[in-house]
Amino acid sequence: MATSRDTKFKTNSGITKDGRKVIKFLSSNGKESARAYQCCWGYYHNCYRTRIGMYVRALDEFIGIGGKG
């Protein structure tokens, strides 16, 4: 996938050790760029004020629920 500025990224989903659902956004080299916990889904920033909106928008469009999907 790629953001609107063509930044390539991959996602990895899972469950944290404390039981929270999470989506990890990974750069093209596999380094984690950001996380979106379930409570943060739908927001531009996650719970730790990390910007995730560009990834969430691209993911929404990829799975067909965003503006272009």
N, C-alpha and C. Protein backbone atom coordinates (compact mmCIF):
# COMPACT_ATOMS: atom_id res chain seq x y z
N MET A 1 0.84 -1.17 0.00
CA MET A 1 0.00 0.00 0.00
C MET A 1 0.89 1.23 0.00
N ALA A 2 0.26 2.39 -0.25
CA ALA A 2 1.00 3.65 -0.23
C ALA A 2 0.08 4.77 0.22
N THR A 3 0.67 5.75 0.90
CA THR A 3 -0.07 6.93 1.32
C THR A 3 -0.32 7.82 0.11
N SER A 4 -1.05 8.90 0.28
CA SER A 4 -1.32 9.82 -0.82
C SER A 4 -0.05 10.49 -1.34
N ARG A 5 1.01 10.48 -0.54
CA ARG A 5 2.31 11.01 -0.97
C ARG A 5 3.25 9.90 -1.44
N ASP A 6 2.66 8.76 -1.73
CA ASP A 6 3.36 7.59 -2.29
C ASP A 6 4.41 7.00 -1.35
N THR A 7 4.20 7.15 -0.05
CA THR A 7 5.06 6.48 0.92
C THR A 7 4.58 5.04 1.05
N LYS A 8 5.41 4.10 0.67
CA LYS A 8 5.04 2.69 0.70
C LYS A 8 5.06 2.17 2.14
N PHE A 9 4.08 1.33 2.47
CA PHE A 9 4.04 0.73 3.80
C PHE A 9 3.29 -0.58 3.75
N LYS A 10 3.49 -1.38 4.78
CA LYS A 10 2.78 -2.64 4.97
C LYS A 10 2.09 -2.57 6.33
N THR A 11 1.15 -3.47 6.55
CA THR A 11 0.48 -3.53 7.85
C THR A 11 0.62 -4.93 8.44
N ASN A 12 0.51 -4.97 9.74
CA ASN A 12 0.53 -6.21 10.49
C ASN A 12 -0.45 -6.03 11.63
N SER A 13 -1.40 -6.93 11.76
CA SER A 13 -2.37 -6.80 12.85
C SER A 13 -2.14 -7.87 13.90
N GLY A 14 -2.65 -7.61 15.08
CA GLY A 14 -2.49 -8.59 16.14
C GLY A 14 -3.14 -8.15 17.42
N ILE A 15 -2.76 -8.83 18.48
CA ILE A 15 -3.25 -8.55 19.83
C ILE A 15 -2.04 -8.26 20.70
N THR A 16 -2.09 -7.18 21.46
CA THR A 16 -0.98 -6.84 22.36
C THR A 16 -0.98 -7.79 23.56
N LYS A 17 0.09 -7.75 24.33
CA LYS A 17 0.19 -8.61 25.52
C LYS A 17 -0.92 -8.34 26.52
N ASP A 18 -1.42 -7.09 26.51
CA ASP A 18 -2.51 -6.77 27.45
C ASP A 18 -3.90 -6.92 26.82
N GLY A 19 -3.96 -7.55 25.63
CA GLY A 19 -5.24 -7.91 25.03
C GLY A 19 -5.87 -6.90 24.08
N ARG A 20 -5.16 -5.82 23.76
CA ARG A 20 -5.73 -4.82 22.86
C ARG A 20 -5.47 -5.19 21.40
N LYS A 21 -6.46 -4.92 20.53
CA LYS A 21 -6.29 -5.12 19.09
C LYS A 21 -5.43 -3.98 18.55
N VAL A 22 -4.51 -4.31 17.63
CA VAL A 22 -3.59 -3.30 17.11
C VAL A 22 -3.29 -3.56 15.64
N ILE A 23 -3.12 -2.49 14.89
CA ILE A 23 -2.60 -2.55 13.53
C ILE A 23 -1.27 -1.81 13.56
N LYS A 24 -0.21 -2.49 13.11
CA LYS A 24 1.11 -1.87 13.04
C LYS A 24 1.35 -1.45 11.59
N PHE A 25 1.86 -0.23 11.41
CA PHE A 25 2.20 0.28 10.09
C PHE A 25 3.72 0.21 9.95
N LEU A 26 4.18 -0.53 8.97
CA LEU A 26 5.60 -0.79 8.78
C LEU A 26 6.11 -0.11 7.51
N SER A 27 7.28 0.50 7.58
CA SER A 27 7.88 1.11 6.40
C SER A 27 8.33 0.01 5.44
N SER A 28 8.76 0.40 4.26
CA SER A 28 9.15 -0.59 3.25
C SER A 28 10.32 -1.45 3.70
N ASN A 29 11.12 -0.97 4.66
CA ASN A 29 12.24 -1.78 5.17
C ASN A 29 11.84 -2.63 6.38
N GLY A 30 10.55 -2.61 6.74
CA GLY A 30 10.04 -3.43 7.83
C GLY A 30 10.06 -2.78 9.20
N LYS A 31 10.56 -1.55 9.30
CA LYS A 31 10.60 -0.84 10.58
C LYS A 31 9.21 -0.29 10.91
N GLU A 32 8.81 -0.44 12.17
CA GLU A 32 7.50 0.06 12.59
C GLU A 32 7.49 1.58 12.58
N SER A 33 6.50 2.15 11.89
CA SER A 33 6.35 3.60 11.81
C SER A 33 5.32 4.12 12.80
N ALA A 34 4.26 3.35 13.01
CA ALA A 34 3.17 3.78 13.90
C ALA A 34 2.31 2.58 14.24
N ARG A 35 1.43 2.79 15.22
CA ARG A 35 0.45 1.78 15.62
C ARG A 35 -0.92 2.43 15.76
N ALA A 36 -1.95 1.66 15.44
CA ALA A 36 -3.32 2.10 15.67
C ALA A 36 -4.01 1.04 16.52
N TYR A 37 -4.30 1.40 17.76
CA TYR A 37 -5.04 0.51 18.63
C TYR A 37 -6.52 0.66 18.32
N GLN A 38 -7.33 -0.32 18.68
CA GLN A 38 -8.75 -0.29 18.35
C GLN A 38 -9.42 1.00 18.83
N CYS A 39 -9.04 1.50 19.98
CA CYS A 39 -9.64 2.73 20.50
C CYS A 39 -9.26 3.95 19.66
N CYS A 40 -8.23 3.83 18.83
CA CYS A 40 -7.75 4.95 18.01
C CYS A 40 -8.30 4.89 16.59
N TRP A 41 -8.92 3.79 16.20
CA TRP A 41 -9.39 3.64 14.83
C TRP A 41 -10.38 4.74 14.51
N GLY A 42 -10.19 5.37 13.36
CA GLY A 42 -11.06 6.45 12.94
C GLY A 42 -10.53 7.83 13.30
N TYR A 43 -9.38 7.91 13.93
CA TYR A 43 -8.79 9.18 14.32
C TYR A 43 -7.49 9.44 13.56
N TYR A 44 -7.10 10.70 13.49
CA TYR A 44 -5.87 11.07 12.78
C TYR A 44 -4.63 10.79 13.62
N HIS A 45 -4.76 10.82 14.94
CA HIS A 45 -3.65 10.52 15.85
C HIS A 45 -4.03 9.31 16.70
N ASN A 46 -3.02 8.52 17.10
CA ASN A 46 -3.32 7.41 18.00
C ASN A 46 -3.29 7.92 19.44
N CYS A 47 -3.44 7.02 20.38
CA CYS A 47 -3.51 7.37 21.80
C CYS A 47 -2.25 8.05 22.31
N TYR A 48 -1.13 7.85 21.60
CA TYR A 48 0.15 8.42 22.01
C TYR A 48 0.51 9.65 21.18
N ARG A 49 -0.48 10.20 20.46
CA ARG A 49 -0.35 11.41 19.63
C ARG A 49 0.54 11.22 18.40
N THR A 50 0.75 9.97 17.99
CA THR A 50 1.46 9.69 16.75
C THR A 50 0.48 9.83 15.60
N ARG A 51 0.89 10.53 14.54
CA ARG A 51 0.01 10.69 13.38
C ARG A 51 -0.16 9.35 12.67
N ILE A 52 -1.41 8.94 12.47
CA ILE A 52 -1.70 7.69 11.78
C ILE A 52 -2.69 7.89 10.64
N GLY A 53 -3.22 9.10 10.50
CA GLY A 53 -4.27 9.36 9.53
C GLY A 53 -3.92 9.01 8.10
N MET A 54 -2.68 9.28 7.68
CA MET A 54 -2.30 8.99 6.31
C MET A 54 -2.29 7.48 6.04
N TYR A 55 -1.94 6.69 7.05
CA TYR A 55 -1.95 5.24 6.90
C TYR A 55 -3.39 4.71 6.92
N VAL A 56 -4.19 5.22 7.84
CA VAL A 56 -5.57 4.77 7.97
C VAL A 56 -6.36 5.07 6.70
N ARG A 57 -6.15 6.26 6.14
CA ARG A 57 -6.86 6.61 4.91
C ARG A 57 -6.48 5.67 3.77
N ALA A 58 -5.18 5.40 3.61
CA ALA A 58 -4.73 4.49 2.56
C ALA A 58 -5.28 3.09 2.79
N LEU A 59 -5.30 2.64 4.04
CA LEU A 59 -5.83 1.32 4.36
C LEU A 59 -7.33 1.26 4.06
N ASP A 60 -8.06 2.29 4.46
CA ASP A 60 -9.50 2.35 4.16
C ASP A 60 -9.75 2.27 2.66
N GLU A 61 -8.98 3.01 1.88
CA GLU A 61 -9.15 2.99 0.43
C GLU A 61 -8.79 1.62 -0.14
N PHE A 62 -7.76 0.99 0.40
CA PHE A 62 -7.32 -0.31 -0.07
C PHE A 62 -8.41 -1.37 0.13
N ILE A 63 -9.08 -1.32 1.29
CA ILE A 63 -10.10 -2.34 1.56
C ILE A 63 -11.49 -1.91 1.09
N GLY A 64 -11.58 -0.72 0.51
CA GLY A 64 -12.82 -0.32 -0.13
C GLY A 64 -13.81 0.43 0.71
N ILE A 65 -13.37 1.02 1.84
CA ILE A 65 -14.33 1.79 2.63
C ILE A 65 -13.98 3.26 2.67
N GLY A 66 -12.94 3.65 1.97
CA GLY A 66 -12.54 5.06 1.93
C GLY A 66 -13.20 5.80 0.79
N GLY A 67 -12.80 7.05 0.63
CA GLY A 67 -13.39 7.91 -0.39
C GLY A 67 -13.23 7.41 -1.81
N LYS A 68 -12.13 6.70 -2.12
CA LYS A 68 -11.90 6.24 -3.48
C LYS A 68 -12.34 4.79 -3.69
N GLY A 69 -12.64 4.08 -2.58
CA GLY A 69 -12.93 2.65 -2.66
C GLY A 69 -14.27 2.36 -3.18
